[in-house]
Amino acid sequence: MPKAIGPRKVRSYGTAFRVRAVQLSHIPGVQVQDVAKALEIHPFLLSKWRKQFREGLLVPTDEIVIDSKTNSELKRLRVLEREHAILKEEHALLKKAIRFCSERKQKSLPSSNGTGDDTTSS
């Protein structure tokens, strides 16, 4: 990975954004990594915010309700990512099997010098 040229960008996130991210990460069936990836933040940062939330240092200014659509979309995303990972593994396995079978087939072909032909009559 090439090194970034110029000053490093430091983003600051508001309290409402942090609280919303923490609430999204608390949805059953949703992992911290998924929320962090969706929000384009580092998972460690989200874990830090979760700790602050538990300790009472990060307090919501107003009640934020996570709608059912967002909840269902996050769960759907998790299922699709899991299925995609399985399909990638299956694809890699099939490629290996095809390569193995083609190598085996080439080894079992009779040689061109005529010694592999058993159908000749004497």
Protein backbone atom coordinates (compact mmCIF):
# COMPACT_ATOMS: atom_id res chain seq x y z
CA MET A 1 0.00 0.00 0.00
CA PRO A 2 1.50 3.35 -0.97
CA LYS A 3 2.23 5.82 1.73
CA ALA A 4 -0.07 8.82 1.85
CA ILE A 5 1.44 12.07 0.67
CA GLY A 6 0.64 15.18 2.64
CA PRO A 7 -0.86 15.72 6.07
CA ARG A 8 -2.92 12.99 7.66
CA LYS A 9 -6.65 13.69 7.74
CA VAL A 10 -8.19 13.59 11.17
CA ARG A 11 -11.96 13.48 11.26
CA SER A 12 -14.04 14.45 14.22
CA TYR A 13 -17.44 12.93 14.67
CA GLY A 14 -20.32 14.52 16.52
CA THR A 15 -21.97 13.02 19.56
CA ALA A 16 -25.12 12.16 17.61
CA PHE A 17 -23.09 10.21 15.04
CA ARG A 18 -21.18 8.34 17.75
CA VAL A 19 -24.33 7.43 19.66
CA ARG A 20 -26.06 6.28 16.47
CA ALA A 21 -23.06 4.11 15.57
CA VAL A 22 -23.06 2.55 19.05
CA GLN A 23 -26.79 1.88 18.88
CA LEU A 24 -26.41 0.25 15.48
CA SER A 25 -23.66 -1.97 16.86
CA HIS A 26 -25.95 -3.12 19.69
CA ILE A 27 -28.55 -4.59 17.31
CA PRO A 28 -28.76 -8.37 17.83
CA GLY A 29 -27.09 -10.28 15.02
CA VAL A 30 -25.01 -7.31 13.84
CA GLN A 31 -21.27 -7.26 14.42
CA VAL A 32 -19.11 -4.25 15.26
CA GLN A 33 -16.99 -4.84 12.14
CA ASP A 34 -20.06 -4.64 9.90
CA VAL A 35 -21.24 -1.35 11.39
CA ALA A 36 -17.74 0.13 11.24
CA LYS A 37 -17.36 -0.92 7.61
CA ALA A 38 -20.75 0.53 6.69
CA LEU A 39 -19.92 3.85 8.40
CA GLU A 40 -16.36 3.84 7.01
CA ILE A 41 -14.70 4.06 10.41
CA HIS A 42 -12.13 1.81 12.05
CA PRO A 43 -13.63 -0.98 14.21
CA PHE A 44 -11.32 0.02 17.07
CA LEU A 45 -12.82 3.51 17.07
CA LEU A 46 -16.33 2.08 17.30
CA SER A 47 -15.23 -0.22 20.14
CA LYS A 48 -13.81 2.82 21.92
CA TRP A 49 -17.14 4.64 21.53
CA ARG A 50 -18.99 1.56 22.85
CA LYS A 51 -16.77 1.61 25.95
CA GLN A 52 -17.44 5.32 26.43
CA PHE A 53 -21.16 4.65 26.08
CA ARG A 54 -21.03 1.87 28.72
CA GLU A 55 -19.11 4.11 31.11
CA GLY A 56 -21.58 6.97 30.65
CA LEU A 57 -19.05 9.28 28.97
CA LEU A 58 -20.98 9.23 25.71
CA VAL A 59 -24.57 10.24 26.37
CA PRO A 60 -27.22 10.72 23.69
CA THR A 61 -28.51 14.27 23.49
CA ASP A 62 -31.91 13.07 22.33
CA GLU A 63 -33.54 9.69 21.90
CA ILE A 64 -32.52 8.11 18.61
CA VAL A 65 -34.80 5.35 17.43
CA ILE A 66 -33.40 2.80 15.01
CA ASP A 67 -36.10 2.01 12.53
CA SER A 68 -36.92 -1.54 11.56
CA LYS A 69 -35.81 -0.94 7.96
CA THR A 70 -32.25 -0.14 9.05
CA ASN A 71 -32.26 -3.12 11.39
CA SER A 72 -33.45 -5.50 8.67
CA GLU A 73 -30.98 -4.09 6.12
CA LEU A 74 -28.04 -4.65 8.49
CA LYS A 75 -29.13 -8.23 9.13
CA ARG A 76 -29.62 -8.79 5.38
CA LEU A 77 -26.15 -7.38 4.69
CA ARG A 78 -24.63 -9.78 7.22
CA VAL A 79 -26.37 -12.78 5.64
CA LEU A 80 -25.29 -11.75 2.14
CA GLU A 81 -21.69 -11.28 3.23
CA ARG A 82 -21.69 -14.73 4.84
CA GLU A 83 -23.18 -16.32 1.69
CA HIS A 84 -20.66 -14.48 -0.49
CA ALA A 85 -17.76 -15.82 1.58
CA ILE A 86 -19.10 -19.37 1.24
CA LEU A 87 -19.48 -18.98 -2.53
CA LYS A 88 -15.92 -17.68 -2.82
CA GLU A 89 -14.62 -20.72 -0.93
CA GLU A 90 -16.67 -23.08 -3.10
CA HIS A 91 -15.41 -21.39 -6.26
CA ALA A 92 -11.78 -21.72 -5.16
CA LEU A 93 -12.36 -25.39 -4.30
CA LEU A 94 -13.93 -26.08 -7.70
CA LYS A 95 -11.01 -24.41 -9.46
CA LYS A 96 -8.61 -26.67 -7.56
CA ALA A 97 -10.68 -29.75 -8.40
CA ILE A 98 -10.72 -28.88 -12.11
CA ARG A 99 -6.97 -28.33 -12.08
CA PHE A 100 -6.41 -31.64 -10.26
CA CYS A 101 -8.64 -33.58 -12.65
CA SER A 102 -7.04 -32.07 -15.74
CA GLU A 103 -3.53 -32.88 -14.44
CA ARG A 104 -4.61 -36.43 -13.64
CA LYS A 105 -6.18 -36.85 -17.07
CA GLN A 106 -2.98 -35.70 -18.77
CA LYS A 107 -0.91 -38.19 -16.78
CA SER A 108 -3.22 -41.09 -17.63
CA LEU A 109 -3.21 -40.48 -21.41
CA PRO A 110 -1.36 -43.26 -23.31
CA SER A 111 2.08 -42.34 -24.55
CA SER A 112 2.65 -41.69 -28.25
CA ASN A 113 5.28 -44.43 -28.67
CA GLY A 114 2.64 -47.19 -29.02
CA THR A 115 3.39 -49.10 -25.81
CA GLY A 116 0.13 -48.08 -24.20
CA ASP A 117 -2.08 -49.79 -26.81
CA ASP A 118 -3.24 -53.20 -25.57
CA THR A 119 -5.77 -53.84 -28.38
CA THR A 120 -3.28 -55.02 -31.00
CA SER A 121 -3.53 -58.67 -32.05
CA SER A 122 -0.49 -60.95 -32.28
